[in-house]
PDB file of N, CA and C in Angstrom:
ATOM      1  N   MET A   1     113.173 -33.354  -6.185  1.00  0.00           N
ATOM      2  CA  MET A   1     114.027 -32.180  -6.300  1.00  0.00           C
ATOM      3  C   MET A   1     113.149 -30.930  -6.222  1.00  0.00           C
ATOM      4  N   PRO A   2     113.625 -29.908  -5.528  1.00  0.00           N
ATOM      5  CA  PRO A   2     112.844 -28.675  -5.396  1.00  0.00           C
ATOM      6  C   PRO A   2     113.088 -27.693  -6.546  1.00  0.00           C
ATOM      7  N   PHE A   3     112.152 -26.760  -6.688  1.00  0.00           N
ATOM      8  CA  PHE A   3     112.304 -25.654  -7.622  1.00  0.00           C
ATOM      9  C   PHE A   3     112.992 -24.498  -6.898  1.00  0.00           C
ATOM     10  N   TYR A   4     113.901 -23.826  -7.583  1.00  0.00           N
ATOM     11  CA  TYR A   4     114.582 -22.656  -7.038  1.00  0.00           C
ATOM     12  C   TYR A   4     114.398 -21.492  -7.997  1.00  0.00           C
ATOM     13  N   GLU A   5     114.215 -20.303  -7.433  1.00  0.00           N
ATOM     14  CA  GLU A   5     114.060 -19.101  -8.235  1.00  0.00           C
ATOM     15  C   GLU A   5     115.359 -18.301  -8.182  1.00  0.00           C
ATOM     16  N   TYR A   6     115.788 -17.829  -9.346  1.00  0.00           N
ATOM     17  CA  TYR A   6     117.048 -17.096  -9.468  1.00  0.00           C
ATOM     18  C   TYR A   6     116.830 -15.763 -10.171  1.00  0.00           C
ATOM     19  N   LEU A   7     117.758 -14.846  -9.915  1.00  0.00           N
ATOM     20  CA  LEU A   7     117.842 -13.586 -10.640  1.00  0.00           C
ATOM     21  C   LEU A   7     119.245 -13.508 -11.225  1.00  0.00           C
ATOM     22  N   CYS A   8     119.330 -13.287 -12.524  1.00  0.00           N
ATOM     23  CA  CYS A   8     120.636 -13.181 -13.175  1.00  0.00           C
ATOM     24  C   CYS A   8     121.164 -11.765 -12.992  1.00  0.00           C
ATOM     25  N   GLU A   9     122.317 -11.645 -12.380  1.00  0.00           N
ATOM     26  CA  GLU A   9     122.918 -10.341 -12.162  1.00  0.00           C
ATOM     27  C   GLU A   9     123.570  -9.794 -13.427  1.00  0.00           C
ATOM     28  N   SER A  10     123.657 -10.601 -14.476  1.00  0.00           N
ATOM     29  CA  SER A  10     124.243 -10.154 -15.731  1.00  0.00           C
ATOM     30  C   SER A  10     123.181  -9.526 -16.648  1.00  0.00           C
ATOM     31  N   CYS A  11     122.085 -10.242 -16.884  1.00  0.00           N
ATOM     32  CA  CYS A  11     121.064  -9.734 -17.809  1.00  0.00           C
ATOM     33  C   CYS A  11     119.807  -9.223 -17.100  1.00  0.00           C
ATOM     34  N   GLY A  12     119.663  -9.502 -15.801  1.00  0.00           N
ATOM     35  CA  GLY A  12     118.538  -8.986 -15.032  1.00  0.00           C
ATOM     36  C   GLY A  12     117.251  -9.797 -15.108  1.00  0.00           C
ATOM     37  N   LYS A  13     117.287 -10.928 -15.771  1.00  0.00           N
ATOM     38  CA  LYS A  13     116.074 -11.737 -15.888  1.00  0.00           C
ATOM     39  C   LYS A  13     115.993 -12.718 -14.722  1.00  0.00           C
ATOM     40  N   ASP A  14     114.733 -13.036 -14.350  1.00  0.00           N
ATOM     41  CA  ASP A  14     114.558 -14.056 -13.328  1.00  0.00           C
ATOM     42  C   ASP A  14     114.071 -15.338 -13.975  1.00  0.00           C
ATOM     43  N   PHE A  15     114.403 -16.460 -13.340  1.00  0.00           N
ATOM     44  CA  PHE A  15     114.044 -17.770 -13.886  1.00  0.00           C
ATOM     45  C   PHE A  15     113.937 -18.773 -12.755  1.00  0.00           C
ATOM     46  N   VAL A  16     113.279 -19.877 -13.052  1.00  0.00           N
ATOM     47  CA  VAL A  16     113.055 -20.948 -12.081  1.00  0.00           C
ATOM     48  C   VAL A  16     113.657 -22.225 -12.636  1.00  0.00           C
ATOM     49  N   LEU A  17     114.374 -22.960 -11.784  1.00  0.00           N
ATOM     50  CA  LEU A  17     114.982 -24.228 -12.192  1.00  0.00           C
ATOM     51  C   LEU A  17     114.642 -25.326 -11.199  1.00  0.00           C
ATOM     52  N   LEU A  18     114.474 -26.514 -11.693  1.00  0.00           N
ATOM     53  CA  LEU A  18     114.340 -27.708 -10.867  1.00  0.00           C
ATOM     54  C   LEU A  18     115.751 -28.236 -10.668  1.00  0.00           C
ATOM     55  N   GLN A  19     116.239 -28.177  -9.423  1.00  0.00           N
ATOM     56  CA  GLN A  19     117.625 -28.554  -9.159  1.00  0.00           C
ATOM     57  C   GLN A  19     117.740 -29.412  -7.910  1.00  0.00           C
ATOM     58  N   SER A  20     118.831 -30.111  -7.835  1.00  0.00           N
ATOM     59  CA  SER A  20     119.182 -30.857  -6.634  1.00  0.00           C
ATOM     60  C   SER A  20     119.525 -29.876  -5.525  1.00  0.00           C
ATOM     61  N   ILE A  21     119.314 -30.270  -4.294  1.00  0.00           N
ATOM     62  CA  ILE A  21     119.645 -29.429  -3.145  1.00  0.00           C
ATOM     63  C   ILE A  21     121.145 -29.135  -3.109  1.00  0.00           C
ATOM     64  N   SER A  22     121.952 -30.046  -3.606  1.00  0.00           N
ATOM     65  CA  SER A  22     123.404 -29.873  -3.552  1.00  0.00           C
ATOM     66  C   SER A  22     123.955 -28.939  -4.637  1.00  0.00           C
ATOM     67  N   ASP A  23     123.127 -28.551  -5.636  1.00  0.00           N
ATOM     68  CA  ASP A  23     123.594 -27.620  -6.668  1.00  0.00           C
ATOM     69  C   ASP A  23     123.812 -26.243  -6.065  1.00  0.00           C
ATOM     70  N   LYS A  24     124.913 -25.605  -6.431  1.00  0.00           N
ATOM     71  CA  LYS A  24     125.260 -24.292  -5.883  1.00  0.00           C
ATOM     72  C   LYS A  24     124.865 -23.180  -6.862  1.00  0.00           C
ATOM     73  N   PRO A  25     124.379 -22.050  -6.326  1.00  0.00           N
ATOM     74  CA  PRO A  25     123.995 -20.944  -7.207  1.00  0.00           C
ATOM     75  C   PRO A  25     125.143 -20.447  -8.088  1.00  0.00           C
ATOM     76  N   GLU A  26     126.360 -20.439  -7.555  1.00  0.00           N
ATOM     77  CA  GLU A  26     127.493 -19.936  -8.351  1.00  0.00           C
ATOM     78  C   GLU A  26     127.823 -20.824  -9.551  1.00  0.00           C
ATOM     79  N   ASN A  27     127.295 -22.044  -9.579  1.00  0.00           N
ATOM     80  CA  ASN A  27     127.504 -22.942 -10.716  1.00  0.00           C
ATOM     81  C   ASN A  27     126.292 -22.973 -11.654  1.00  0.00           C
ATOM     82  N   THR A  28     125.296 -22.147 -11.365  1.00  0.00           N
ATOM     83  CA  THR A  28     124.057 -22.133 -12.144  1.00  0.00           C
ATOM     84  C   THR A  28     124.142 -21.087 -13.244  1.00  0.00           C
ATOM     85  N   ALA A  29     124.005 -21.537 -14.480  1.00  0.00           N
ATOM     86  CA  ALA A  29     124.054 -20.630 -15.624  1.00  0.00           C
ATOM     87  C   ALA A  29     122.652 -20.141 -15.961  1.00  0.00           C
ATOM     88  N   CYS A  30     122.557 -18.873 -16.299  1.00  0.00           N
ATOM     89  CA  CYS A  30     121.297 -18.273 -16.717  1.00  0.00           C
ATOM     90  C   CYS A  30     120.874 -18.878 -18.064  1.00  0.00           C
ATOM     91  N   PRO A  31     119.620 -19.309 -18.198  1.00  0.00           N
ATOM     92  CA  PRO A  31     119.181 -19.876 -19.477  1.00  0.00           C
ATOM     93  C   PRO A  31     119.024 -18.833 -20.581  1.00  0.00           C
ATOM     94  N   TYR A  32     119.060 -17.539 -20.242  1.00  0.00           N
ATOM     95  CA  TYR A  32     118.908 -16.474 -21.232  1.00  0.00           C
ATOM     96  C   TYR A  32     120.246 -15.989 -21.787  1.00  0.00           C
ATOM     97  N   CYS A  33     121.252 -15.821 -20.898  1.00  0.00           N
ATOM     98  CA  CYS A  33     122.530 -15.266 -21.363  1.00  0.00           C
ATOM     99  C   CYS A  33     123.716 -16.206 -21.114  1.00  0.00           C
ATOM    100  N   ASP A  34     123.488 -17.336 -20.495  1.00  0.00           N
ATOM    101  CA  ASP A  34     124.504 -18.359 -20.216  1.00  0.00           C
ATOM    102  C   ASP A  34     125.612 -17.915 -19.258  1.00  0.00           C
ATOM    103  N   GLN A  35     125.438 -16.788 -18.597  1.00  0.00           N
ATOM    104  CA  GLN A  35     126.419 -16.338 -17.612  1.00  0.00           C
ATOM    105  C   GLN A  35     126.157 -17.023 -16.273  1.00  0.00           C
ATOM    106  N   LYS A  36     127.203 -17.299 -15.541  1.00  0.00           N
ATOM    107  CA  LYS A  36     127.071 -17.917 -14.218  1.00  0.00           C
ATOM    108  C   LYS A  36     127.056 -16.838 -13.143  1.00  0.00           C
ATOM    109  N   LYS A  37     126.056 -15.951 -13.240  1.00  0.00           N
ATOM    110  CA  LYS A  37     125.898 -14.868 -12.277  1.00  0.00           C
ATOM    111  C   LYS A  37     124.492 -14.900 -11.683  1.00  0.00           C
ATOM    112  N   ALA A  38     124.009 -16.102 -11.433  1.00  0.00           N
ATOM    113  CA  ALA A  38     122.663 -16.270 -10.888  1.00  0.00           C
ATOM    114  C   ALA A  38     122.695 -16.136  -9.376  1.00  0.00           C
ATOM    115  N   LYS A  39     121.736 -15.395  -8.866  1.00  0.00           N
ATOM    116  CA  LYS A  39     121.602 -15.214  -7.428  1.00  0.00           C
ATOM    117  C   LYS A  39     120.270 -15.828  -7.003  1.00  0.00           C
ATOM    118  N   LYS A  40     120.322 -16.736  -6.037  1.00  0.00           N
ATOM    119  CA  LYS A  40     119.111 -17.380  -5.559  1.00  0.00           C
ATOM    120  C   LYS A  40     118.281 -16.357  -4.800  1.00  0.00           C
ATOM    121  N   ILE A  41     117.000 -16.280  -5.116  1.00  0.00           N
ATOM    122  CA  ILE A  41     116.126 -15.334  -4.431  1.00  0.00           C
ATOM    123  C   ILE A  41     115.033 -16.101  -3.687  1.00  0.00           C
ATOM    124  N   VAL A  42     114.483 -15.450  -2.691  1.00  0.00           N
ATOM    125  CA  VAL A  42     113.439 -16.073  -1.879  1.00  0.00           C
ATOM    126  C   VAL A  42     112.124 -15.998  -2.646  1.00  0.00           C
ATOM    127  N   SER A  43     111.508 -17.139  -2.851  1.00  0.00           N
ATOM    128  CA  SER A  43     110.243 -17.210  -3.561  1.00  0.00           C
ATOM    129  C   SER A  43     109.084 -17.065  -2.598  1.00  0.00           C
ATOM    130  N   GLN A  44     107.994 -16.529  -3.107  1.00  0.00           N
ATOM    131  CA  GLN A  44     106.763 -16.506  -2.335  1.00  0.00           C
ATOM    132  C   GLN A  44     106.038 -17.807  -2.598  1.00  0.00           C
ATOM    133  N   PHE A  45     105.285 -18.240  -1.617  1.00  0.00           N
ATOM    134  CA  PHE A  45     104.503 -19.439  -1.827  1.00  0.00           C
ATOM    135  C   PHE A  45     103.104 -19.210  -1.294  1.00  0.00           C
ATOM    136  N   SER A  46     102.204 -20.042  -1.705  1.00  0.00           N
ATOM    137  CA  SER A  46     100.844 -19.963  -1.197  1.00  0.00           C
ATOM    138  C   SER A  46     100.379 -21.369  -0.886  1.00  0.00           C
ATOM    139  N   SER A  47      99.407 -21.443  -0.032  1.00  0.00           N
ATOM    140  CA  SER A  47      98.822 -22.738   0.271  1.00  0.00           C
ATOM    141  C   SER A  47      97.335 -22.662  -0.013  1.00  0.00           C
ATOM    142  N   TYR A  48      96.768 -23.774  -0.284  1.00  0.00           N
ATOM    143  CA  TYR A  48      95.357 -23.835  -0.623  1.00  0.00           C
ATOM    144  C   TYR A  48      94.638 -24.607   0.459  1.00  0.00           C
ATOM    145  N   GLY A  49      93.535 -24.103   0.875  1.00  0.00           N
ATOM    146  CA  GLY A  49      92.748 -24.802   1.865  1.00  0.00           C
ATOM    147  C   GLY A  49      91.280 -24.486   1.671  1.00  0.00           C
ATOM    148  N   SER A  50      90.455 -25.260   2.307  1.00  0.00           N
ATOM    149  CA  SER A  50      89.024 -25.007   2.231  1.00  0.00           C
ATOM    150  C   SER A  50      88.394 -25.448   3.540  1.00  0.00           C
ATOM    151  N   GLY A  51      87.212 -24.988   3.770  1.00  0.00           N
ATOM    152  CA  GLY A  51      86.490 -25.406   4.963  1.00  0.00           C
ATOM    153  C   GLY A  51      86.623 -24.422   6.093  1.00  0.00           C
ATOM    154  N   ALA A  52      86.097 -24.804   7.256  1.00  0.00           N
ATOM    155  CA  ALA A  52      86.034 -23.925   8.421  1.00  0.00           C
ATOM    156  C   ALA A  52      87.413 -23.512   8.909  1.00  0.00           C
ATOM    157  N   ALA A  53      88.395 -24.357   8.784  1.00  0.00           N
ATOM    158  CA  ALA A  53      89.731 -24.041   9.284  1.00  0.00           C
ATOM    159  C   ALA A  53      90.358 -22.880   8.519  1.00  0.00           C
ATOM    160  N   CYS A  54      89.888 -22.616   7.299  1.00  0.00           N
ATOM    161  CA  CYS A  54      90.479 -21.573   6.472  1.00  0.00           C
ATOM    162  C   CYS A  54      89.672 -20.283   6.479  1.00  0.00           C
ATOM    163  N   SER A  55      88.515 -20.278   7.099  1.00  0.00           N
ATOM    164  CA  SER A  55      87.714 -19.071   7.104  1.00  0.00           C
ATOM    165  C   SER A  55      88.175 -18.145   8.215  1.00  0.00           C
ATOM    166  N   THR A  56      87.828 -16.882   8.107  1.00  0.00           N
ATOM    167  CA  THR A  56      88.186 -15.939   9.158  1.00  0.00           C
ATOM    168  C   THR A  56      87.105 -15.958  10.234  1.00  0.00           C
ATOM    169  N   GLY A  57      87.542 -15.863  11.476  1.00  0.00           N
ATOM    170  CA  GLY A  57      86.599 -15.875  12.579  1.00  0.00           C
ATOM    171  C   GLY A  57      86.199 -17.276  12.947  1.00  0.00           C
ATOM    172  N   GLY A  58      85.848 -17.485  14.199  1.00  0.00           N
ATOM    173  CA  GLY A  58      85.415 -18.802  14.628  1.00  0.00           C
ATOM    174  C   GLY A  58      86.588 -19.718  14.864  1.00  0.00           C
ATOM    175  N   SER A  59      86.314 -20.849  15.384  1.00  0.00           N
ATOM    176  CA  SER A  59      87.343 -21.820  15.689  1.00  0.00           C
ATOM    177  C   SER A  59      87.404 -22.901  14.634  1.00  0.00           C
ATOM    178  N   ALA A  60      88.588 -23.357  14.333  1.00  0.00           N
ATOM    179  CA  ALA A  60      88.751 -24.441  13.373  1.00  0.00           C
ATOM    180  C   ALA A  60      88.245 -25.761  13.945  1.00  0.00           C
ATOM    181  N   TRP A  61      88.032 -25.810  15.259  1.00  0.00           N
ATOM    182  CA  TRP A  61      87.636 -27.046  15.907  1.00  0.00           C
ATOM    183  C   TRP A  61      86.139 -27.087  16.201  1.00  0.00           C
ATOM    184  N   GLY A  62      85.387 -26.173  15.629  1.00  0.00           N
ATOM    185  CA  GLY A  62      83.944 -26.230  15.774  1.00  0.00           C
ATOM    186  C   GLY A  62      83.400 -25.493  16.974  1.00  0.00           C
ATOM    187  N   GLY A  63      84.257 -24.792  17.723  1.00  0.00           N
ATOM    188  CA  GLY A  63      83.807 -24.087  18.909  1.00  0.00           C
ATOM    189  C   GLY A  63      83.135 -22.760  18.619  1.00  0.00           C
ATOM    190  N   GLY A  64      83.221 -22.287  17.353  1.00  0.00           N
ATOM    191  CA  GLY A  64      82.532 -21.122  16.898  1.00  0.00           C
ATOM    192  C   GLY A  64      83.029 -19.851  17.350  1.00  0.00           C
TER     193      GLY A  64
END
């Protein structure tokens, strides 16, 4: 199950929930105020890498 980030339009707090893909935002209650006014927001993500493929400049395939 994926994590989803929400913003409560009632109390203004943001929160993250582990939910099924089939769960709808309009049925999601805020854990702070219990209102069902949660709006799904786009989360930022990052990836982690190391080595030549992640450095700036040069080729990831060793061509330099």
